[in-house]
Amino acid sequence: MLDGERLVAEYQLDVSVTHSERLMSAVDRVLADARWTPRDLAGLAVAVGPGSFTGLRIAVSTVKGLALALDLPIAAVPTLDAMAAALPWAALPVCPVLDARKGEVYASLYRWDGEAMRREWDYLALAPAALAARLDEPVLVVGDGAGGVRSPYARAVPPPRRLPSPACVGALGLARLRRGETVTAAALAPLYLRPSEAELRRRGIAVS
């Protein structure tokens, strides 16, 4: 949670418990610890992916419900953008990499331009080897898929940077809210770079 530029509370937990089991309890916890109520919120920011299909659906559905109940604007923040924003002023380009399963990763490339981390690639879903082949200069790789990128140009960032930061999602979301770059609850949707297994089955495509 942010109060202007000040980080009031942040909750991170990297365990196998699903979002549905802990998301609302985490929201309740940070609000209570900060002595805020839901009515103190002026806007919502949510990481919309790419990422886990189930996790994204739960996060987006939760934010939709909160936005409708509290009549709040929403800022949709791409997850890879938030990961890159955790490394401002980096002298090297930054490549956030998330495990997409099925032998692929989600990735993009960012560079500090003196004011912000600017994205230079599209959001990609590709094999780690294909990502490695795209690297032609030293690059900081961050995220749970970074270990699979075998390239002499890849410079691994320490494990504490493994997860997307809620604070960075909040900071990017705040900037979007201030610029009026908001979405309605009805329009809010996850950023999927490939169809889910359920969608493939609906199309009659075999899923291995």
C-alpha atoms as a PDB file:
ATOM      1  CA  MET A   1       0.000   0.000   0.000  1.00  0.00           C
ATOM      2  CA  LEU A   2       1.179   3.474  -0.851  1.00  0.00           C
ATOM      3  CA  ASP A   3       0.298   6.775   0.776  1.00  0.00           C
ATOM      4  CA  GLY A   4       1.474   9.126  -1.913  1.00  0.00           C
ATOM      5  CA  GLU A   5       5.122   8.203  -2.497  1.00  0.00           C
ATOM      6  CA  ARG A   6       5.443   6.487   0.902  1.00  0.00           C
ATOM      7  CA  LEU A   7       5.292   2.696   1.097  1.00  0.00           C
ATOM      8  CA  VAL A   8       2.959   1.926   4.005  1.00  0.00           C
ATOM      9  CA  ALA A   9       2.727  -1.868   3.737  1.00  0.00           C
ATOM     10  CA  GLU A  10       3.837  -4.700   1.472  1.00  0.00           C
ATOM     11  CA  TYR A  11       3.075  -8.417   1.752  1.00  0.00           C
ATOM     12  CA  GLN A  12       5.077 -11.188   0.046  1.00  0.00           C
ATOM     13  CA  LEU A  13       4.887 -14.936   0.532  1.00  0.00           C
ATOM     14  CA  ASP A  14       6.602 -17.482  -1.748  1.00  0.00           C
ATOM     15  CA  VAL A  15       4.976 -20.785  -0.817  1.00  0.00           C
ATOM     16  CA  SER A  16       2.755 -23.341  -2.525  1.00  0.00           C
ATOM     17  CA  VAL A  17      -0.489 -22.050  -0.975  1.00  0.00           C
ATOM     18  CA  THR A  18      -2.764 -20.744  -3.726  1.00  0.00           C
ATOM     19  CA  HIS A  19      -3.758 -17.122  -4.163  1.00  0.00           C
ATOM     20  CA  SER A  20      -7.374 -17.973  -3.369  1.00  0.00           C
ATOM     21  CA  GLU A  21      -6.368 -19.182   0.094  1.00  0.00           C
ATOM     22  CA  ARG A  22      -4.342 -16.144   1.088  1.00  0.00           C
ATOM     23  CA  LEU A  23      -5.073 -13.105  -1.061  1.00  0.00           C
ATOM     24  CA  MET A  24      -7.997 -11.613   0.864  1.00  0.00           C
ATOM     25  CA  SER A  25      -6.438 -12.471   4.215  1.00  0.00           C
ATOM     26  CA  ALA A  26      -3.290 -10.640   3.078  1.00  0.00           C
ATOM     27  CA  VAL A  27      -5.376  -7.606   2.076  1.00  0.00           C
ATOM     28  CA  ASP A  28      -7.126  -7.643   5.445  1.00  0.00           C
ATOM     29  CA  ARG A  29      -3.792  -7.995   7.240  1.00  0.00           C
ATOM     30  CA  VAL A  30      -2.021  -5.048   5.613  1.00  0.00           C
ATOM     31  CA  LEU A  31      -5.077  -2.815   6.024  1.00  0.00           C
ATOM     32  CA  ALA A  32      -5.394  -3.720   9.695  1.00  0.00           C
ATOM     33  CA  ASP A  33      -1.668  -3.316  10.400  1.00  0.00           C
ATOM     34  CA  ALA A  34      -1.696   0.100   8.721  1.00  0.00           C
ATOM     35  CA  ARG A  35      -4.893   1.022  10.581  1.00  0.00           C
ATOM     36  CA  TRP A  36      -6.624   1.709   7.319  1.00  0.00           C
ATOM     37  CA  THR A  37     -10.081   0.672   6.199  1.00  0.00           C
ATOM     38  CA  PRO A  38     -11.106  -0.170   2.624  1.00  0.00           C
ATOM     39  CA  ARG A  39     -12.765   3.250   2.446  1.00  0.00           C
ATOM     40  CA  ASP A  40      -9.350   4.888   2.873  1.00  0.00           C
ATOM     41  CA  LEU A  41      -8.281   3.539  -0.527  1.00  0.00           C
ATOM     42  CA  ALA A  42      -8.326   5.947  -3.471  1.00  0.00           C
ATOM     43  CA  GLY A  43      -7.384   3.517  -6.232  1.00  0.00           C
ATOM     44  CA  LEU A  44      -6.228  -0.013  -6.961  1.00  0.00           C
ATOM     45  CA  ALA A  45      -3.238  -1.365  -8.880  1.00  0.00           C
ATOM     46  CA  VAL A  46      -2.965  -4.968 -10.029  1.00  0.00           C
ATOM     47  CA  ALA A  47      -0.286  -6.958 -11.847  1.00  0.00           C
ATOM     48  CA  VAL A  48      -2.107  -8.341 -14.878  1.00  0.00           C
ATOM     49  CA  GLY A  49       0.566 -10.694 -16.181  1.00  0.00           C
ATOM     50  CA  PRO A  50       1.890 -12.494 -17.980  1.00  0.00           C
ATOM     51  CA  GLY A  51       2.074 -15.211 -15.345  1.00  0.00           C
ATOM     52  CA  SER A  52       0.186 -18.116 -13.837  1.00  0.00           C
ATOM     53  CA  PHE A  53      -3.264 -18.380 -15.422  1.00  0.00           C
ATOM     54  CA  THR A  54      -4.902 -19.308 -12.127  1.00  0.00           C
ATOM     55  CA  GLY A  55      -3.076 -16.665 -10.139  1.00  0.00           C
ATOM     56  CA  LEU A  56      -3.943 -13.942 -12.620  1.00  0.00           C
ATOM     57  CA  ARG A  57      -7.612 -14.907 -12.716  1.00  0.00           C
ATOM     58  CA  ILE A  58      -7.817 -14.783  -8.915  1.00  0.00           C
ATOM     59  CA  ALA A  59      -6.004 -11.441  -8.675  1.00  0.00           C
ATOM     60  CA  VAL A  60      -8.038  -9.793 -11.417  1.00  0.00           C
ATOM     61  CA  SER A  61     -11.338 -11.120 -10.061  1.00  0.00           C
ATOM     62  CA  THR A  62     -10.494  -9.863  -6.570  1.00  0.00           C
ATOM     63  CA  VAL A  63      -9.623  -6.385  -7.817  1.00  0.00           C
ATOM     64  CA  LYS A  64     -12.779  -6.266  -9.934  1.00  0.00           C
ATOM     65  CA  GLY A  65     -14.856  -7.031  -6.845  1.00  0.00           C
ATOM     66  CA  LEU A  66     -13.088  -4.454  -4.689  1.00  0.00           C
ATOM     67  CA  ALA A  67     -13.330  -1.788  -7.379  1.00  0.00           C
ATOM     68  CA  LEU A  68     -17.060  -2.344  -7.843  1.00  0.00           C
ATOM     69  CA  ALA A  69     -17.778  -2.455  -4.115  1.00  0.00           C
ATOM     70  CA  LEU A  70     -15.712   0.641  -3.309  1.00  0.00           C
ATOM     71  CA  ASP A  71     -16.186   2.554  -6.590  1.00  0.00           C
ATOM     72  CA  LEU A  72     -12.433   2.805  -7.180  1.00  0.00           C
ATOM     73  CA  PRO A  73     -10.371   3.313 -10.351  1.00  0.00           C
ATOM     74  CA  ILE A  74      -8.004   0.530 -11.413  1.00  0.00           C
ATOM     75  CA  ALA A  75      -4.498   0.693 -12.841  1.00  0.00           C
ATOM     76  CA  ALA A  76      -3.473  -2.426 -14.780  1.00  0.00           C
ATOM     77  CA  VAL A  77       0.291  -3.011 -14.498  1.00  0.00           C
ATOM     78  CA  PRO A  78       2.119  -5.580 -16.667  1.00  0.00           C
ATOM     79  CA  THR A  79       4.041  -7.905 -14.355  1.00  0.00           C
ATOM     80  CA  LEU A  80       7.281  -7.730 -16.339  1.00  0.00           C
ATOM     81  CA  ASP A  81       7.191  -3.913 -16.149  1.00  0.00           C
ATOM     82  CA  ALA A  82       6.969  -4.119 -12.356  1.00  0.00           C
ATOM     83  CA  MET A  83       9.881  -6.550 -12.183  1.00  0.00           C
ATOM     84  CA  ALA A  84      12.092  -4.252 -14.261  1.00  0.00           C
ATOM     85  CA  ALA A  85      11.067  -1.260 -12.143  1.00  0.00           C
ATOM     86  CA  ALA A  86      12.692  -2.945  -9.137  1.00  0.00           C
ATOM     87  CA  LEU A  87      16.110  -2.230 -10.706  1.00  0.00           C
ATOM     88  CA  PRO A  88      16.136   1.503 -11.522  1.00  0.00           C
ATOM     89  CA  TRP A  89      19.420   3.146 -12.547  1.00  0.00           C
ATOM     90  CA  ALA A  90      20.806  -0.230 -13.663  1.00  0.00           C
ATOM     91  CA  ALA A  91      23.858   0.264 -15.867  1.00  0.00           C
ATOM     92  CA  LEU A  92      22.937  -2.866 -17.847  1.00  0.00           C
ATOM     93  CA  PRO A  93      19.649  -3.705 -19.595  1.00  0.00           C
ATOM     94  CA  VAL A  94      17.242  -5.696 -17.442  1.00  0.00           C
ATOM     95  CA  CYS A  95      15.457  -8.839 -18.653  1.00  0.00           C
ATOM     96  CA  PRO A  96      12.672 -10.092 -16.345  1.00  0.00           C
ATOM     97  CA  VAL A  97      12.053 -13.808 -16.928  1.00  0.00           C
ATOM     98  CA  LEU A  98       9.106 -15.777 -15.546  1.00  0.00           C
ATOM     99  CA  ASP A  99       8.642 -19.530 -15.812  1.00  0.00           C
ATOM    100  CA  ALA A 100       5.736 -20.062 -18.225  1.00  0.00           C
ATOM    101  CA  ARG A 101       5.907 -23.870 -17.928  1.00  0.00           C
ATOM    102  CA  LYS A 102       5.687 -26.204 -20.929  1.00  0.00           C
ATOM    103  CA  GLY A 103       9.310 -25.409 -21.743  1.00  0.00           C
ATOM    104  CA  GLU A 104       8.782 -21.666 -22.134  1.00  0.00           C
ATOM    105  CA  VAL A 105       9.384 -18.427 -20.271  1.00  0.00           C
ATOM    106  CA  TYR A 106       7.763 -15.005 -20.350  1.00  0.00           C
ATOM    107  CA  ALA A 107      10.253 -12.194 -20.881  1.00  0.00           C
ATOM    108  CA  SER A 108      10.967  -8.712 -22.167  1.00  0.00           C
ATOM    109  CA  LEU A 109      13.907  -6.289 -22.142  1.00  0.00           C
ATOM    110  CA  TYR A 110      14.155  -2.903 -20.417  1.00  0.00           C
ATOM    111  CA  ARG A 111      16.727  -0.122 -20.258  1.00  0.00           C
ATOM    112  CA  TRP A 112      17.050   2.837 -17.891  1.00  0.00           C
ATOM    113  CA  ASP A 113      16.638   6.050 -19.893  1.00  0.00           C
ATOM    114  CA  GLY A 114      17.385   8.501 -17.097  1.00  0.00           C
ATOM    115  CA  GLU A 115      13.790   8.668 -15.887  1.00  0.00           C
ATOM    116  CA  ALA A 116      12.298   5.171 -15.980  1.00  0.00           C
ATOM    117  CA  MET A 117      12.843   1.624 -17.205  1.00  0.00           C
ATOM    118  CA  ARG A 118      11.760   1.669 -20.857  1.00  0.00           C
ATOM    119  CA  ARG A 119      10.640  -1.530 -22.564  1.00  0.00           C
ATOM    120  CA  GLU A 120      12.465  -2.341 -25.808  1.00  0.00           C
ATOM    121  CA  TRP A 121      10.879  -5.697 -26.714  1.00  0.00           C
ATOM    122  CA  ASP A 122       7.333  -6.961 -26.952  1.00  0.00           C
ATOM    123  CA  TYR A 123       6.119  -9.195 -24.138  1.00  0.00           C
ATOM    124  CA  LEU A 124       7.292 -12.627 -25.241  1.00  0.00           C
ATOM    125  CA  ALA A 125       6.514 -16.284 -24.550  1.00  0.00           C
ATOM    126  CA  LEU A 126       9.398 -18.359 -25.865  1.00  0.00           C
ATOM    127  CA  ALA A 127      11.838 -21.152 -25.069  1.00  0.00           C
ATOM    128  CA  PRO A 128      14.748 -20.234 -22.767  1.00  0.00           C
ATOM    129  CA  ALA A 129      17.196 -21.110 -25.561  1.00  0.00           C
ATOM    130  CA  ALA A 130      15.404 -18.726 -27.924  1.00  0.00           C
ATOM    131  CA  LEU A 131      15.592 -15.991 -25.300  1.00  0.00           C
ATOM    132  CA  ALA A 132      19.305 -16.657 -24.785  1.00  0.00           C
ATOM    133  CA  ALA A 133      19.845 -16.354 -28.537  1.00  0.00           C
ATOM    134  CA  ARG A 134      18.312 -12.852 -28.487  1.00  0.00           C
ATOM    135  CA  LEU A 135      20.860 -11.567 -25.969  1.00  0.00           C
ATOM    136  CA  ASP A 136      23.769  -9.830 -27.678  1.00  0.00           C
ATOM    137  CA  GLU A 137      25.136  -7.748 -24.783  1.00  0.00           C
ATOM    138  CA  PRO A 138      25.513  -8.177 -21.004  1.00  0.00           C
ATOM    139  CA  VAL A 139      22.021  -8.204 -19.439  1.00  0.00           C
ATOM    140  CA  LEU A 140      20.699  -8.509 -15.882  1.00  0.00           C
ATOM    141  CA  VAL A 141      18.231 -11.408 -15.758  1.00  0.00           C
ATOM    142  CA  VAL A 142      15.731 -11.512 -12.915  1.00  0.00           C
ATOM    143  CA  GLY A 143      12.822 -13.762 -12.013  1.00  0.00           C
ATOM    144  CA  ASP A 144      12.044 -17.409 -11.360  1.00  0.00           C
ATOM    145  CA  GLY A 145      12.837 -18.348 -14.967  1.00  0.00           C
ATOM    146  CA  ALA A 146      16.214 -16.622 -15.074  1.00  0.00           C
ATOM    147  CA  GLY A 147      18.175 -19.752 -14.165  1.00  0.00           C
ATOM    148  CA  GLY A 148      17.177 -21.439 -17.416  1.00  0.00           C
ATOM    149  CA  VAL A 149      18.661 -18.722 -19.629  1.00  0.00           C
ATOM    150  CA  ARG A 150      22.046 -20.137 -20.633  1.00  0.00           C
ATOM    151  CA  SER A 151      23.902 -17.252 -22.189  1.00  0.00           C
ATOM    152  CA  PRO A 152      27.365 -15.763 -21.615  1.00  0.00           C
ATOM    153  CA  TYR A 153      25.615 -12.388 -21.592  1.00  0.00           C
ATOM    154  CA  ALA A 154      23.192 -13.254 -18.767  1.00  0.00           C
ATOM    155  CA  ARG A 155      24.037 -11.796 -15.357  1.00  0.00           C
ATOM    156  CA  ALA A 156      21.839 -13.342 -12.677  1.00  0.00           C
ATOM    157  CA  VAL A 157      20.312 -11.051 -10.055  1.00  0.00           C
ATOM    158  CA  PRO A 158      20.346 -12.403  -6.440  1.00  0.00           C
ATOM    159  CA  PRO A 159      17.328 -14.472  -5.227  1.00  0.00           C
ATOM    160  CA  PRO A 160      15.688 -11.670  -3.180  1.00  0.00           C
ATOM    161  CA  ARG A 161      14.733 -10.143  -6.552  1.00  0.00           C
ATOM    162  CA  ARG A 162      13.069 -13.376  -7.670  1.00  0.00           C
ATOM    163  CA  LEU A 163       9.465 -12.274  -7.078  1.00  0.00           C
ATOM    164  CA  PRO A 164       7.613  -9.322  -8.610  1.00  0.00           C
ATOM    165  CA  SER A 165       7.456  -6.599  -5.971  1.00  0.00           C
ATOM    166  CA  PRO A 166       4.011  -5.431  -4.805  1.00  0.00           C
ATOM    167  CA  ALA A 167       5.596  -2.060  -4.026  1.00  0.00           C
ATOM    168  CA  CYS A 168       6.741  -1.689  -7.635  1.00  0.00           C
ATOM    169  CA  VAL A 169       3.286  -2.666  -8.901  1.00  0.00           C
ATOM    170  CA  GLY A 170       1.873  -0.011  -6.582  1.00  0.00           C
ATOM    171  CA  ALA A 171       4.340   2.676  -7.705  1.00  0.00           C
ATOM    172  CA  LEU A 172       3.708   2.048 -11.398  1.00  0.00           C
ATOM    173  CA  GLY A 173      -0.015   1.869 -10.705  1.00  0.00           C
ATOM    174  CA  LEU A 174       0.055   5.172  -8.841  1.00  0.00           C
ATOM    175  CA  ALA A 175       1.753   6.849 -11.793  1.00  0.00           C
ATOM    176  CA  ARG A 176      -0.913   5.465 -14.127  1.00  0.00           C
ATOM    177  CA  LEU A 177      -3.714   6.600 -11.838  1.00  0.00           C
ATOM    178  CA  ARG A 178      -2.257  10.108 -11.731  1.00  0.00           C
ATOM    179  CA  ARG A 179      -2.101  10.193 -15.542  1.00  0.00           C
ATOM    180  CA  GLY A 180      -5.689   8.989 -15.762  1.00  0.00           C
ATOM    181  CA  GLU A 181      -4.637   5.692 -17.366  1.00  0.00           C
ATOM    182  CA  THR A 182      -7.285   3.584 -15.687  1.00  0.00           C
ATOM    183  CA  VAL A 183      -9.556   0.709 -16.655  1.00  0.00           C
ATOM    184  CA  THR A 184     -13.018  -0.163 -15.457  1.00  0.00           C
ATOM    185  CA  ALA A 185     -13.760  -3.350 -13.574  1.00  0.00           C
ATOM    186  CA  ALA A 186     -15.638  -4.623 -16.615  1.00  0.00           C
ATOM    187  CA  ALA A 187     -12.691  -3.961 -18.937  1.00  0.00           C
ATOM    188  CA  LEU A 188      -9.952  -5.295 -16.643  1.00  0.00           C
ATOM    189  CA  ALA A 189      -8.451  -8.494 -18.057  1.00  0.00           C
ATOM    190  CA  PRO A 190      -5.286 -10.551 -17.560  1.00  0.00           C
ATOM    191  CA  LEU A 191      -2.440 -10.200 -20.040  1.00  0.00           C
ATOM    192  CA  TYR A 192      -2.169 -13.692 -21.529  1.00  0.00           C
ATOM    193  CA  LEU A 193       0.541 -14.352 -24.111  1.00  0.00           C
ATOM    194  CA  ARG A 194      -0.786 -17.771 -25.058  1.00  0.00           C
ATOM    195  CA  PRO A 195      -4.096 -19.642 -24.623  1.00  0.00           C
ATOM    196  CA  SER A 196      -4.718 -21.580 -21.426  1.00  0.00           C
ATOM    197  CA  GLU A 197      -5.079 -25.359 -21.384  1.00  0.00           C
ATOM    198  CA  ALA A 198      -8.822 -24.933 -20.924  1.00  0.00           C
ATOM    199  CA  GLU A 199      -8.998 -22.732 -24.027  1.00  0.00           C
ATOM    200  CA  LEU A 200      -6.956 -25.228 -26.051  1.00  0.00           C
ATOM    201  CA  ARG A 201      -9.309 -28.036 -25.011  1.00  0.00           C
ATOM    202  CA  ARG A 202     -12.300 -25.942 -26.063  1.00  0.00           C
ATOM    203  CA  ARG A 203     -10.672 -25.605 -29.482  1.00  0.00           C
ATOM    204  CA  GLY A 204     -10.129 -29.344 -29.645  1.00  0.00           C
ATOM    205  CA  ILE A 205      -6.337 -29.049 -29.456  1.00  0.00           C
ATOM    206  CA  ALA A 206      -4.498 -31.813 -27.597  1.00  0.00           C
ATOM    207  CA  VAL A 207      -2.674 -30.669 -24.456  1.00  0.00           C
ATOM    208  CA  SER A 208       0.387 -32.659 -23.408  1.00  0.00           C
END
